[in-house]
Amino acid sequence: MHPVILLVEDNVEILDFIESNLQDLYTIKKTTNGQAALDVLRSEVVDLIVSDVMMPVMNGLELCSTIKSDVELSHLPVILLTAKNTLQAKIEGLELGADVYIEKPFSPKYLKTQIASLLANRNKIKEHFVNSPLAHLKTIAHTKSDERFLDKVNQVIVEHLQDTGLDVDRLARYMNMSRPTFYRKISAISDLTPNDLINLTRLKKAAELMTDGYNINEVSEIVGYTSPKIFSKNFEKQFGMMPSAYIQNNVKKKG
């Protein structure tokens, strides 16, 4: 599936021009002001926003500020397009959380490159988090709002490590979010389902405990597995090595 790009631009000709240059690589959604964009973002899955600054109803700066301060949306990258080429205009956009600031007129190739770079960098961060035993959940945060959200998610899971009944419904309740909203947020920010994230957090906590000197049997019980054998199988599947090899490698590094 192509990543979904939301274009926000009140000039229909420019809107169609941008769409024509991106539609081969991305699924495009279009709106003509910031308020309409927020309506789309709260109901549909979007991977990145490209927005003009000067628009009626809600301008691009207000849209960017709202996105970056809303825990449900703050993970979304925002590219701002503007005819203002002053340094102060750039600073204002970046201070509000814009990931990239592009002056009009712009090269379609340059816009494509910026979009591809933003999405690729985020994918690399997600892959590192998933494949690295000691990478904390906060490493995939892109804003302070995301960091606080993920820190709380991690805290709730760790507090309920031995609770085999912990699932997406209960985790959403602990986070004071609806199930669909929580599911969409976790999926968008990590490319994982909430249940997958729960299991991965258990395995990462296990890696942390083994690094601190706990043996496999102790760790397996602490993080909520019914048997060391199942724990070892899941650990190997996730990180590409048996827990025993992980312990050996970390002891060598410490030594």
Protein backbone atom coordinates (compact mmCIF):
# COMPACT_ATOMS: atom_id res chain seq x y z
CA MET A 1 0.00 0.00 0.00
CA HIS A 2 1.21 3.51 -0.82
CA PRO A 3 1.71 5.93 2.08
CA VAL A 4 -1.20 8.37 2.42
CA ILE A 5 -0.47 12.07 1.93
CA LEU A 6 -2.97 14.75 2.94
CA LEU A 7 -2.67 17.92 0.85
CA VAL A 8 -4.08 21.13 2.37
CA GLU A 9 -4.21 24.06 -0.06
CA ASP A 10 -6.94 26.60 -0.84
CA ASN A 11 -5.65 27.28 -4.37
CA VAL A 12 -7.26 24.49 -6.40
CA GLU A 13 -4.78 24.80 -9.27
CA ILE A 14 -1.80 24.37 -6.93
CA LEU A 15 -3.64 21.57 -5.13
CA ASP A 16 -4.15 19.67 -8.38
CA PHE A 17 -0.56 20.42 -9.49
CA ILE A 18 0.89 18.89 -6.31
CA GLU A 19 -1.44 15.90 -6.57
CA SER A 20 -0.39 15.23 -10.17
CA ASN A 21 3.26 15.12 -9.09
CA LEU A 22 2.73 12.79 -6.13
CA GLN A 23 -0.09 10.45 -7.12
CA ASP A 24 2.19 7.86 -8.74
CA LEU A 25 3.96 7.26 -5.43
CA TYR A 26 1.33 8.08 -2.81
CA THR A 27 -2.36 7.84 -2.08
CA ILE A 28 -3.58 11.44 -2.05
CA LYS A 29 -6.30 13.06 0.04
CA LYS A 30 -7.14 16.75 -0.44
CA THR A 31 -8.71 19.56 1.59
CA THR A 32 -8.75 23.33 1.18
CA ASN A 33 -8.31 24.55 4.78
CA GLY A 34 -6.92 23.45 8.12
CA GLN A 35 -10.26 22.71 9.77
CA ALA A 36 -11.28 20.35 6.97
CA ALA A 37 -7.86 18.72 7.28
CA LEU A 38 -8.41 18.05 10.99
CA ASP A 39 -11.74 16.40 10.18
CA VAL A 40 -9.93 14.03 7.81
CA LEU A 41 -7.12 13.32 10.29
CA ARG A 42 -9.54 12.36 13.05
CA SER A 43 -11.38 9.85 10.88
CA GLU A 44 -8.84 8.43 8.42
CA VAL A 45 -5.29 7.06 8.38
CA VAL A 46 -2.76 9.57 7.04
CA ASP A 47 1.04 9.25 6.97
CA LEU A 48 2.12 12.83 6.22
CA ILE A 49 0.62 16.31 5.71
CA VAL A 50 1.67 18.88 3.11
CA SER A 51 -0.02 22.20 3.92
CA ASP A 52 -0.05 25.75 2.63
CA VAL A 53 0.32 28.43 5.31
CA MET A 54 -2.07 31.13 4.10
CA MET A 55 -5.61 29.67 4.04
CA PRO A 56 -9.12 30.66 5.19
CA VAL A 57 -10.95 29.15 8.21
CA MET A 58 -7.73 27.71 9.70
CA ASN A 59 -4.30 28.50 8.30
CA GLY A 60 -1.34 26.14 8.05
CA LEU A 61 0.41 27.43 11.16
CA GLU A 62 -2.71 26.88 13.27
CA LEU A 63 -3.13 23.43 11.73
CA CYS A 64 0.47 22.48 12.45
CA SER A 65 0.24 23.75 16.03
CA THR A 66 -2.97 21.78 16.61
CA ILE A 67 -1.50 18.58 15.16
CA LYS A 68 1.71 18.74 17.17
CA SER A 69 -0.05 19.47 20.47
CA ASP A 70 -2.72 16.76 20.09
CA VAL A 71 -1.66 13.37 21.44
CA GLU A 72 -3.79 11.59 18.83
CA LEU A 73 -2.05 13.35 15.93
CA SER A 74 1.34 14.56 17.17
CA HIS A 75 3.30 11.75 15.47
CA LEU A 76 2.34 13.00 12.00
CA PRO A 77 5.06 14.77 9.97
CA VAL A 78 4.07 18.17 8.58
CA ILE A 79 5.56 19.97 5.58
CA LEU A 80 4.59 23.65 5.33
CA LEU A 81 4.48 25.49 2.00
CA THR A 82 4.55 29.29 1.98
CA ALA A 83 5.13 32.31 -0.21
CA LYS A 84 6.72 34.06 2.78
CA ASN A 85 10.47 33.72 2.41
CA THR A 86 11.56 35.62 5.51
CA LEU A 87 13.68 34.01 8.19
CA GLN A 88 11.09 34.94 10.83
CA ALA A 89 8.38 33.04 8.91
CA LYS A 90 10.59 29.94 8.81
CA ILE A 91 11.37 30.19 12.51
CA GLU A 92 7.69 30.55 13.36
CA GLY A 93 6.78 27.44 11.36
CA LEU A 94 9.56 25.33 12.85
CA GLU A 95 8.78 26.50 16.38
CA LEU A 96 5.23 25.27 15.93
CA GLY A 97 6.58 21.82 15.10
CA ALA A 98 6.78 21.78 11.30
CA ASP A 99 9.20 19.08 10.13
CA VAL A 100 10.05 20.83 6.86
CA TYR A 101 9.44 24.39 5.60
CA ILE A 102 9.40 24.90 1.81
CA GLU A 103 9.17 28.25 0.06
CA LYS A 104 6.95 28.85 -2.97
CA PRO A 105 7.59 28.52 -5.84
CA PHE A 106 9.14 25.13 -5.23
CA SER A 107 10.48 22.26 -7.29
CA PRO A 108 8.14 19.22 -7.33
CA LYS A 109 11.27 17.04 -7.24
CA TYR A 110 12.43 18.81 -4.08
CA LEU A 111 9.04 18.25 -2.42
CA LYS A 112 9.15 14.57 -3.41
CA THR A 113 12.64 14.24 -1.94
CA GLN A 114 11.59 15.83 1.35
CA ILE A 115 8.54 13.57 1.65
CA ALA A 116 10.56 10.43 0.86
CA SER A 117 13.29 11.43 3.32
CA LEU A 118 10.84 12.08 6.17
CA LEU A 119 9.04 8.78 5.68
CA ALA A 120 12.27 6.78 5.22
CA ASN A 121 13.86 8.23 8.37
CA ARG A 122 10.80 7.39 10.43
CA ASN A 123 10.79 3.84 9.09
CA LYS A 124 14.46 3.44 10.05
CA ILE A 125 13.70 4.59 13.59
CA LYS A 126 10.81 2.11 13.84
CA GLU A 127 12.97 -0.75 12.55
CA HIS A 128 15.72 0.07 15.04
CA PHE A 129 13.24 0.06 17.90
CA VAL A 130 11.71 -3.28 16.89
CA ASN A 131 15.04 -5.06 16.32
CA SER A 132 17.12 -3.68 19.19
CA PRO A 133 16.52 -5.41 22.56
CA LEU A 134 17.39 -2.36 24.68
CA ALA A 135 15.92 0.43 22.51
CA HIS A 136 13.27 2.18 24.62
CA LEU A 137 9.79 2.85 23.32
CA LYS A 138 10.48 6.60 23.54
CA THR A 139 13.07 6.31 20.77
CA ILE A 140 10.26 6.36 18.17
CA ALA A 141 8.84 9.64 19.53
CA HIS A 142 9.11 12.71 17.31
CA THR A 143 7.54 15.28 19.63
CA LYS A 144 7.37 15.92 23.37
CA SER A 145 3.70 14.94 23.25
CA ASP A 146 4.61 11.58 21.68
CA GLU A 147 7.36 11.06 24.22
CA ARG A 148 5.00 11.58 27.15
CA PHE A 149 2.38 9.33 25.55
CA LEU A 150 4.84 6.49 24.85
CA ASP A 151 6.44 6.79 28.27
CA LYS A 152 3.03 6.29 29.87
CA VAL A 153 2.21 3.34 27.56
CA ASN A 154 5.51 1.70 28.49
CA GLN A 155 4.91 2.36 32.18
CA VAL A 156 1.43 0.79 32.09
CA ILE A 157 2.68 -2.34 30.27
CA VAL A 158 5.64 -2.78 32.64
CA GLU A 159 3.34 -2.41 35.65
CA HIS A 160 1.20 -5.26 34.26
CA LEU A 161 3.92 -7.57 32.94
CA GLN A 162 2.47 -10.66 34.61
CA ASP A 163 -1.10 -9.85 33.67
CA THR A 164 -1.88 -12.22 30.79
CA GLY A 165 -5.24 -10.47 30.35
CA LEU A 166 -3.65 -7.18 29.34
CA ASP A 167 -4.84 -6.44 25.80
CA VAL A 168 -5.66 -3.49 23.57
CA ASP A 169 -9.01 -2.82 25.27
CA ARG A 170 -7.58 -2.65 28.77
CA LEU A 171 -4.51 -0.73 27.67
CA ALA A 172 -6.70 1.84 25.90
CA ARG A 173 -8.74 2.25 29.10
CA TYR A 174 -5.58 2.78 31.15
CA MET A 175 -4.59 5.48 28.64
CA ASN A 176 -8.06 7.11 28.80
CA MET A 177 -8.54 6.70 25.06
CA SER A 178 -11.13 4.95 22.93
CA ARG A 179 -10.05 1.61 21.49
CA PRO A 180 -10.12 2.78 17.82
CA THR A 181 -8.18 5.98 18.61
CA PHE A 182 -5.57 4.16 20.67
CA TYR A 183 -5.20 1.39 18.08
CA ARG A 184 -4.75 3.94 15.27
CA LYS A 185 -2.18 5.93 17.26
CA ILE A 186 -0.05 2.91 18.19
CA SER A 187 -0.21 1.49 14.68
CA ALA A 188 0.77 4.80 13.09
CA ILE A 189 3.64 5.58 15.43
CA SER A 190 5.18 2.09 15.61
CA ASP A 191 3.78 -0.03 12.73
CA LEU A 192 2.73 -2.51 15.43
CA THR A 193 -0.63 -3.56 16.77
CA PRO A 194 -1.10 -2.76 20.48
CA ASN A 195 -0.95 -6.48 21.31
CA ASP A 196 2.33 -6.81 19.40
CA LEU A 197 3.64 -3.80 21.30
CA ILE A 198 2.69 -5.41 24.62
CA ASN A 199 4.61 -8.57 23.68
CA LEU A 200 7.61 -6.60 22.44
CA THR A 201 7.72 -4.53 25.64
CA ARG A 202 7.77 -7.76 27.66
CA LEU A 203 10.72 -9.03 25.61
CA LYS A 204 12.59 -5.73 25.93
CA LYS A 205 12.08 -5.75 29.70
CA ALA A 206 13.43 -9.29 29.68
CA ALA A 207 16.55 -8.13 27.84
CA GLU A 208 17.01 -5.37 30.40
CA LEU A 209 16.70 -7.85 33.28
CA MET A 210 19.13 -10.31 31.69
CA THR A 211 21.62 -7.47 31.22
CA ASP A 212 21.28 -6.82 34.97
CA GLY A 213 22.18 -10.43 35.77
CA TYR A 214 18.85 -12.28 36.03
CA ASN A 215 18.81 -15.79 34.57
CA ILE A 216 16.41 -17.02 31.90
CA ASN A 217 14.04 -18.82 34.28
CA GLU A 218 13.73 -15.77 36.53
CA VAL A 219 13.20 -13.40 33.62
CA SER A 220 10.62 -15.62 31.98
CA GLU A 221 8.48 -15.58 35.10
CA ILE A 222 8.92 -11.87 35.81
CA VAL A 223 7.76 -10.78 32.35
CA GLY A 224 4.71 -13.04 32.37
CA TYR A 225 5.61 -16.13 30.33
CA THR A 226 4.20 -19.50 31.31
CA SER A 227 7.44 -21.30 30.48
CA PRO A 228 11.11 -20.45 29.76
CA LYS A 229 10.85 -22.47 26.53
CA ILE A 230 8.07 -20.27 25.11
CA PHE A 231 9.91 -17.15 26.26
CA SER A 232 13.15 -18.27 24.58
CA LYS A 233 11.35 -19.07 21.33
CA ASN A 234 9.66 -15.67 21.24
CA PHE A 235 12.87 -13.84 22.16
CA GLU A 236 14.77 -15.56 19.35
CA LYS A 237 12.01 -14.85 16.85
CA GLN A 238 12.02 -11.14 17.74
CA PHE A 239 15.73 -10.42 18.10
CA GLY A 240 17.41 -13.19 16.10
CA MET A 241 19.23 -14.81 19.02
CA MET A 242 18.48 -17.10 21.93
CA PRO A 243 18.38 -15.51 25.39
CA SER A 244 21.45 -17.56 26.36
CA ALA A 245 23.41 -16.04 23.46
CA TYR A 246 22.15 -12.58 24.39
CA ILE A 247 23.37 -13.03 27.97
CA GLN A 248 26.74 -14.31 26.76
CA ASN A 249 27.20 -11.39 24.37
CA ASN A 250 26.28 -8.83 26.99
CA VAL A 251 28.58 -10.36 29.59
CA LYS A 252 31.43 -10.14 27.08
CA LYS A 253 30.63 -6.48 26.41
CA LYS A 254 30.57 -5.72 30.12
CA GLY A 255 33.86 -7.50 30.62
